[in-house]
C-alpha atoms as a PDB file:
ATOM      1  CA  MET A   1       0.000   0.000   0.000  1.00  0.00           C
ATOM      2  CA  ARG A   2       1.152   3.501  -0.686  1.00  0.00           C
ATOM      3  CA  VAL A   3      -0.236   6.956   0.079  1.00  0.00           C
ATOM      4  CA  ARG A   4       0.222   9.728  -2.435  1.00  0.00           C
ATOM      5  CA  ARG A   5      -1.143  13.147  -3.234  1.00  0.00           C
ATOM      6  CA  ALA A   6      -3.767  13.106  -5.997  1.00  0.00           C
ATOM      7  CA  THR A   7      -3.251  14.880  -9.313  1.00  0.00           C
ATOM      8  CA  LEU A   8      -5.708  16.150 -11.911  1.00  0.00           C
ATOM      9  CA  ALA A   9      -5.254  12.866 -13.782  1.00  0.00           C
ATOM     10  CA  ASP A  10      -6.893  11.082 -10.833  1.00  0.00           C
ATOM     11  CA  ALA A  11     -10.252  12.854 -11.272  1.00  0.00           C
ATOM     12  CA  PRO A  12     -12.011  10.035 -13.166  1.00  0.00           C
ATOM     13  CA  ALA A  13     -10.943   7.334 -10.693  1.00  0.00           C
ATOM     14  CA  LEU A  14     -11.722   9.559  -7.699  1.00  0.00           C
ATOM     15  CA  THR A  15     -15.160  10.366  -9.107  1.00  0.00           C
ATOM     16  CA  ALA A  16     -16.077   6.705  -9.589  1.00  0.00           C
ATOM     17  CA  PHE A  17     -14.595   5.637  -6.251  1.00  0.00           C
ATOM     18  CA  GLY A  18     -16.256   8.467  -4.320  1.00  0.00           C
ATOM     19  CA  ARG A  19     -19.676   7.761  -5.878  1.00  0.00           C
ATOM     20  CA  ARG A  20     -19.397   4.068  -5.079  1.00  0.00           C
ATOM     21  CA  LEU A  21     -18.171   4.461  -1.496  1.00  0.00           C
ATOM     22  CA  PHE A  22     -20.504   7.287  -0.541  1.00  0.00           C
ATOM     23  CA  GLY A  23     -23.413   5.347  -2.018  1.00  0.00           C
ATOM     24  CA  GLN A  24     -22.492   2.123  -0.222  1.00  0.00           C
ATOM     25  CA  THR A  25     -22.040   3.945   3.065  1.00  0.00           C
ATOM     26  CA  PHE A  26     -25.180   6.065   3.081  1.00  0.00           C
ATOM     27  CA  ALA A  27     -27.746   4.428   0.769  1.00  0.00           C
ATOM     28  CA  PRO A  28     -29.236   2.148   3.445  1.00  0.00           C
ATOM     29  CA  GLU A  29     -30.411   5.089   5.583  1.00  0.00           C
ATOM     30  CA  ASN A  30     -31.261   7.735   2.996  1.00  0.00           C
ATOM     31  CA  SER A  31     -33.803   8.190   0.236  1.00  0.00           C
ATOM     32  CA  PRO A  32     -32.620   7.339  -3.288  1.00  0.00           C
ATOM     33  CA  GLY A  33     -33.642  10.811  -4.456  1.00  0.00           C
ATOM     34  CA  ASP A  34     -31.606  12.679  -1.845  1.00  0.00           C
ATOM     35  CA  LEU A  35     -28.627  10.371  -2.262  1.00  0.00           C
ATOM     36  CA  GLY A  36     -28.758  10.650  -6.059  1.00  0.00           C
ATOM     37  CA  ALA A  37     -28.980  14.436  -5.938  1.00  0.00           C
ATOM     38  CA  TYR A  38     -25.917  14.620  -3.688  1.00  0.00           C
ATOM     39  CA  LEU A  39     -23.908  12.200  -5.823  1.00  0.00           C
ATOM     40  CA  ASP A  40     -24.835  14.033  -9.023  1.00  0.00           C
ATOM     41  CA  GLU A  41     -23.656  17.310  -7.512  1.00  0.00           C
ATOM     42  CA  THR A  42     -20.540  16.109  -5.693  1.00  0.00           C
ATOM     43  CA  TYR A  43     -19.108  13.075  -7.421  1.00  0.00           C
ATOM     44  CA  VAL A  44     -18.945  14.229 -11.014  1.00  0.00           C
ATOM     45  CA  GLU A  45     -15.667  14.611 -12.856  1.00  0.00           C
ATOM     46  CA  ALA A  46     -15.911  18.397 -13.307  1.00  0.00           C
ATOM     47  CA  ARG A  47     -16.363  18.891  -9.559  1.00  0.00           C
ATOM     48  CA  GLN A  48     -13.524  16.544  -8.717  1.00  0.00           C
ATOM     49  CA  LEU A  49     -11.244  18.343 -11.185  1.00  0.00           C
ATOM     50  CA  ALA A  50     -12.113  21.661  -9.553  1.00  0.00           C
ATOM     51  CA  GLU A  51     -11.411  20.286  -6.074  1.00  0.00           C
ATOM     52  CA  LEU A  52      -8.103  18.770  -7.193  1.00  0.00           C
ATOM     53  CA  ALA A  53      -7.087  22.131  -8.683  1.00  0.00           C
ATOM     54  CA  ASP A  54      -8.129  24.111  -5.588  1.00  0.00           C
ATOM     55  CA  PRO A  55      -5.061  25.124  -3.511  1.00  0.00           C
ATOM     56  CA  GLN A  56      -7.202  25.034  -0.350  1.00  0.00           C
ATOM     57  CA  VAL A  57      -7.993  21.329  -0.876  1.00  0.00           C
ATOM     58  CA  GLU A  58      -5.491  18.497  -0.568  1.00  0.00           C
ATOM     59  CA  THR A  59      -6.495  15.008  -1.675  1.00  0.00           C
ATOM     60  CA  LEU A  60      -4.591  11.939  -0.539  1.00  0.00           C
ATOM     61  CA  LEU A  61      -5.038   8.536  -2.151  1.00  0.00           C
ATOM     62  CA  VAL A  62      -4.161   5.080  -0.858  1.00  0.00           C
ATOM     63  CA  GLU A  63      -3.398   2.521  -3.524  1.00  0.00           C
ATOM     64  CA  ASP A  64      -2.668  -1.170  -3.487  1.00  0.00           C
ATOM     65  CA  GLY A  65      -0.734  -1.640  -6.693  1.00  0.00           C
ATOM     66  CA  GLU A  66      -2.846   0.251  -9.235  1.00  0.00           C
ATOM     67  CA  ALA A  67      -6.094  -0.093  -7.275  1.00  0.00           C
ATOM     68  CA  LEU A  68      -7.515   2.915  -5.411  1.00  0.00           C
ATOM     69  CA  ILE A  69      -8.571   1.653  -1.974  1.00  0.00           C
ATOM     70  CA  ALA A  70      -9.031   4.834   0.093  1.00  0.00           C
ATOM     71  CA  PHE A  71      -8.934   8.608  -0.053  1.00  0.00           C
ATOM     72  CA  ALA A  72      -9.044  11.629   2.211  1.00  0.00           C
ATOM     73  CA  GLN A  73      -9.465  15.320   1.533  1.00  0.00           C
ATOM     74  CA  LEU A  74      -8.374  18.200   3.715  1.00  0.00           C
ATOM     75  CA  ARG A  75      -9.921  21.620   3.201  1.00  0.00           C
ATOM     76  CA  GLU A  76      -8.820  24.984   4.524  1.00  0.00           C
ATOM     77  CA  GLY A  77     -11.525  27.418   5.569  1.00  0.00           C
ATOM     78  CA  ALA A  78     -13.625  28.495   8.513  1.00  0.00           C
ATOM     79  CA  PRO A  79     -13.587  26.104  11.477  1.00  0.00           C
ATOM     80  CA  GLY A  80     -16.649  24.077  12.386  1.00  0.00           C
ATOM     81  CA  SER A  81     -18.903  24.736  15.363  1.00  0.00           C
ATOM     82  CA  GLY A  82     -16.972  24.428  18.619  1.00  0.00           C
ATOM     83  CA  VAL A  83     -13.530  24.139  17.017  1.00  0.00           C
ATOM     84  CA  THR A  84     -10.908  26.086  18.970  1.00  0.00           C
ATOM     85  CA  GLY A  85      -7.172  25.898  19.389  1.00  0.00           C
ATOM     86  CA  GLY A  86      -5.555  28.027  16.734  1.00  0.00           C
ATOM     87  CA  ARG A  87      -5.144  27.392  13.021  1.00  0.00           C
ATOM     88  CA  SER A  88      -7.405  24.537  11.981  1.00  0.00           C
ATOM     89  CA  ILE A  89      -8.000  22.470   8.887  1.00  0.00           C
ATOM     90  CA  GLU A  90     -10.978  20.279   8.077  1.00  0.00           C
ATOM     91  CA  LEU A  91     -10.745  16.580   7.342  1.00  0.00           C
ATOM     92  CA  TRP A  92     -13.485  17.005   4.757  1.00  0.00           C
ATOM     93  CA  ARG A  93     -13.723  13.462   3.403  1.00  0.00           C
ATOM     94  CA  PHE A  94     -12.282  10.135   4.562  1.00  0.00           C
ATOM     95  CA  TYR A  95     -13.332   6.906   2.848  1.00  0.00           C
ATOM     96  CA  VAL A  96     -11.893   3.389   2.819  1.00  0.00           C
ATOM     97  CA  ASP A  97     -13.155   0.677   0.465  1.00  0.00           C
ATOM     98  CA  PHE A  98     -15.313  -1.774   2.424  1.00  0.00           C
ATOM     99  CA  ASP A  99     -13.101  -4.694   1.370  1.00  0.00           C
ATOM    100  CA  TRP A 100     -10.179  -3.021   3.130  1.00  0.00           C
ATOM    101  CA  HIS A 101     -11.862  -2.285   6.478  1.00  0.00           C
ATOM    102  CA  GLY A 102      -9.908  -3.704   9.403  1.00  0.00           C
ATOM    103  CA  ARG A 103      -6.710  -4.112   7.394  1.00  0.00           C
ATOM    104  CA  GLY A 104      -4.770  -1.063   8.613  1.00  0.00           C
ATOM    105  CA  VAL A 105      -5.649   1.267   5.743  1.00  0.00           C
ATOM    106  CA  ALA A 106      -7.571   3.828   7.807  1.00  0.00           C
ATOM    107  CA  PRO A 107      -4.827   4.360  10.434  1.00  0.00           C
ATOM    108  CA  LEU A 108      -2.234   4.619   7.633  1.00  0.00           C
ATOM    109  CA  LEU A 109      -4.315   7.242   5.856  1.00  0.00           C
ATOM    110  CA  MET A 110      -4.993   9.128   9.099  1.00  0.00           C
ATOM    111  CA  ARG A 111      -1.248   9.420   9.768  1.00  0.00           C
ATOM    112  CA  ALA A 112      -0.802  10.868   6.264  1.00  0.00           C
ATOM    113  CA  VAL A 113      -3.692  13.287   6.896  1.00  0.00           C
ATOM    114  CA  GLU A 114      -2.087  14.470  10.142  1.00  0.00           C
ATOM    115  CA  ASP A 115       1.269  14.945   8.389  1.00  0.00           C
ATOM    116  CA  ALA A 116      -0.448  16.967   5.630  1.00  0.00           C
ATOM    117  CA  ALA A 117      -2.297  19.071   8.219  1.00  0.00           C
ATOM    118  CA  ARG A 118       0.957  19.883  10.030  1.00  0.00           C
ATOM    119  CA  ALA A 119       2.629  20.708   6.688  1.00  0.00           C
ATOM    120  CA  ARG A 120      -0.133  23.305   6.205  1.00  0.00           C
ATOM    121  CA  ASP A 121       0.686  24.735   9.667  1.00  0.00           C
ATOM    122  CA  ALA A 122      -2.543  23.499  11.247  1.00  0.00           C
ATOM    123  CA  VAL A 123      -2.599  22.812  14.962  1.00  0.00           C
ATOM    124  CA  THR A 124      -6.175  21.499  15.010  1.00  0.00           C
ATOM    125  CA  LEU A 125      -7.744  18.914  12.720  1.00  0.00           C
ATOM    126  CA  TRP A 126     -11.540  18.791  12.676  1.00  0.00           C
ATOM    127  CA  LEU A 127     -14.300  16.939  10.847  1.00  0.00           C
ATOM    128  CA  GLY A 128     -18.047  16.514  10.613  1.00  0.00           C
ATOM    129  CA  VAL A 129     -19.444  12.993  10.934  1.00  0.00           C
ATOM    130  CA  TRP A 130     -23.092  12.009  10.598  1.00  0.00           C
ATOM    131  CA  GLU A 131     -24.631  11.444  14.026  1.00  0.00           C
ATOM    132  CA  ARG A 132     -25.900   8.045  12.800  1.00  0.00           C
ATOM    133  CA  ASN A 133     -22.513   6.834  11.516  1.00  0.00           C
ATOM    134  CA  VAL A 134     -21.469   5.065  14.705  1.00  0.00           C
ATOM    135  CA  ARG A 135     -18.645   3.072  13.086  1.00  0.00           C
ATOM    136  CA  ALA A 136     -16.910   6.212  11.827  1.00  0.00           C
ATOM    137  CA  GLN A 137     -17.366   7.957  15.171  1.00  0.00           C
ATOM    138  CA  ALA A 138     -15.707   5.021  16.954  1.00  0.00           C
ATOM    139  CA  PHE A 139     -12.745   5.142  14.569  1.00  0.00           C
ATOM    140  CA  TYR A 140     -12.308   8.888  15.009  1.00  0.00           C
ATOM    141  CA  ARG A 141     -12.466   8.562  18.807  1.00  0.00           C
ATOM    142  CA  LYS A 142      -9.795   5.862  18.616  1.00  0.00           C
ATOM    143  CA  GLN A 143      -7.680   8.353  16.640  1.00  0.00           C
ATOM    144  CA  GLY A 144      -7.994  10.960  19.418  1.00  0.00           C
ATOM    145  CA  PHE A 145     -10.901  13.083  18.170  1.00  0.00           C
ATOM    146  CA  THR A 146     -13.534  14.365  20.599  1.00  0.00           C
ATOM    147  CA  VAL A 147     -16.958  15.873  19.952  1.00  0.00           C
ATOM    148  CA  VAL A 148     -16.838  19.674  20.188  1.00  0.00           C
ATOM    149  CA  GLY A 149     -20.067  20.730  18.475  1.00  0.00           C
ATOM    150  CA  SER A 150     -22.553  19.961  15.734  1.00  0.00           C
ATOM    151  CA  GLN A 151     -23.523  21.301  12.324  1.00  0.00           C
ATOM    152  CA  ILE A 152     -26.029  20.659   9.557  1.00  0.00           C
ATOM    153  CA  PHE A 153     -25.066  18.693   6.455  1.00  0.00           C
ATOM    154  CA  THR A 154     -27.637  18.719   3.666  1.00  0.00           C
ATOM    155  CA  LEU A 155     -27.940  15.525   1.658  1.00  0.00           C
ATOM    156  CA  GLY A 156     -30.063  16.391  -1.363  1.00  0.00           C
ATOM    157  CA  SER A 157     -32.992  18.112   0.338  1.00  0.00           C
ATOM    158  CA  ASP A 158     -32.525  16.396   3.724  1.00  0.00           C
ATOM    159  CA  PRO A 159     -30.832  18.460   6.479  1.00  0.00           C
ATOM    160  CA  GLN A 160     -28.907  16.049   8.714  1.00  0.00           C
ATOM    161  CA  ARG A 161     -26.983  16.589  11.935  1.00  0.00           C
ATOM    162  CA  ASP A 162     -23.254  16.029  11.898  1.00  0.00           C
ATOM    163  CA  LEU A 163     -21.170  15.863  15.045  1.00  0.00           C
ATOM    164  CA  VAL A 164     -18.111  18.110  14.848  1.00  0.00           C
ATOM    165  CA  MET A 165     -15.028  16.336  16.199  1.00  0.00           C
ATOM    166  CA  ALA A 166     -11.551  17.804  16.648  1.00  0.00           C
ATOM    167  CA  LYS A 167      -8.055  16.964  17.841  1.00  0.00           C
ATOM    168  CA  GLY A 168      -4.669  18.610  18.043  1.00  0.00           C
ATOM    169  CA  VAL A 169      -2.044  17.667  15.454  1.00  0.00           C
END
């Protein structure tokens, strides 16, 4: 396995991977219409190209050989609700292929995320995680994150509550 920074050439693979993983993760508890609307807005190649070109976004990929098995995106901007502690950066997206759960990919990617956050002079790393995504919350707690607030994430037309979690880096 190797972690590397994504390039513009990765947009097609990232689009397909993101659509598949987001759909697998959230389809069971969301309406097809809301999920489809979100996927059609977020995981399209033009949007991924724009995010990859944005200097405030950093995308990290984990590959096994040529296969994309995980990705994370950091995003600079305003801190989430309850985030304190100096310069912060958001762990905007963090997805590991289901077939790779429990095989050390997520901790490997999290270490790379923390290194990237420090390289951007962040002292606080924060994220929003759906209040109903218990598995992800458990992983983030294991990585040292604590709940500091909440915010609304809109999936299609459905406003959902995300817990805001943060940790020092």
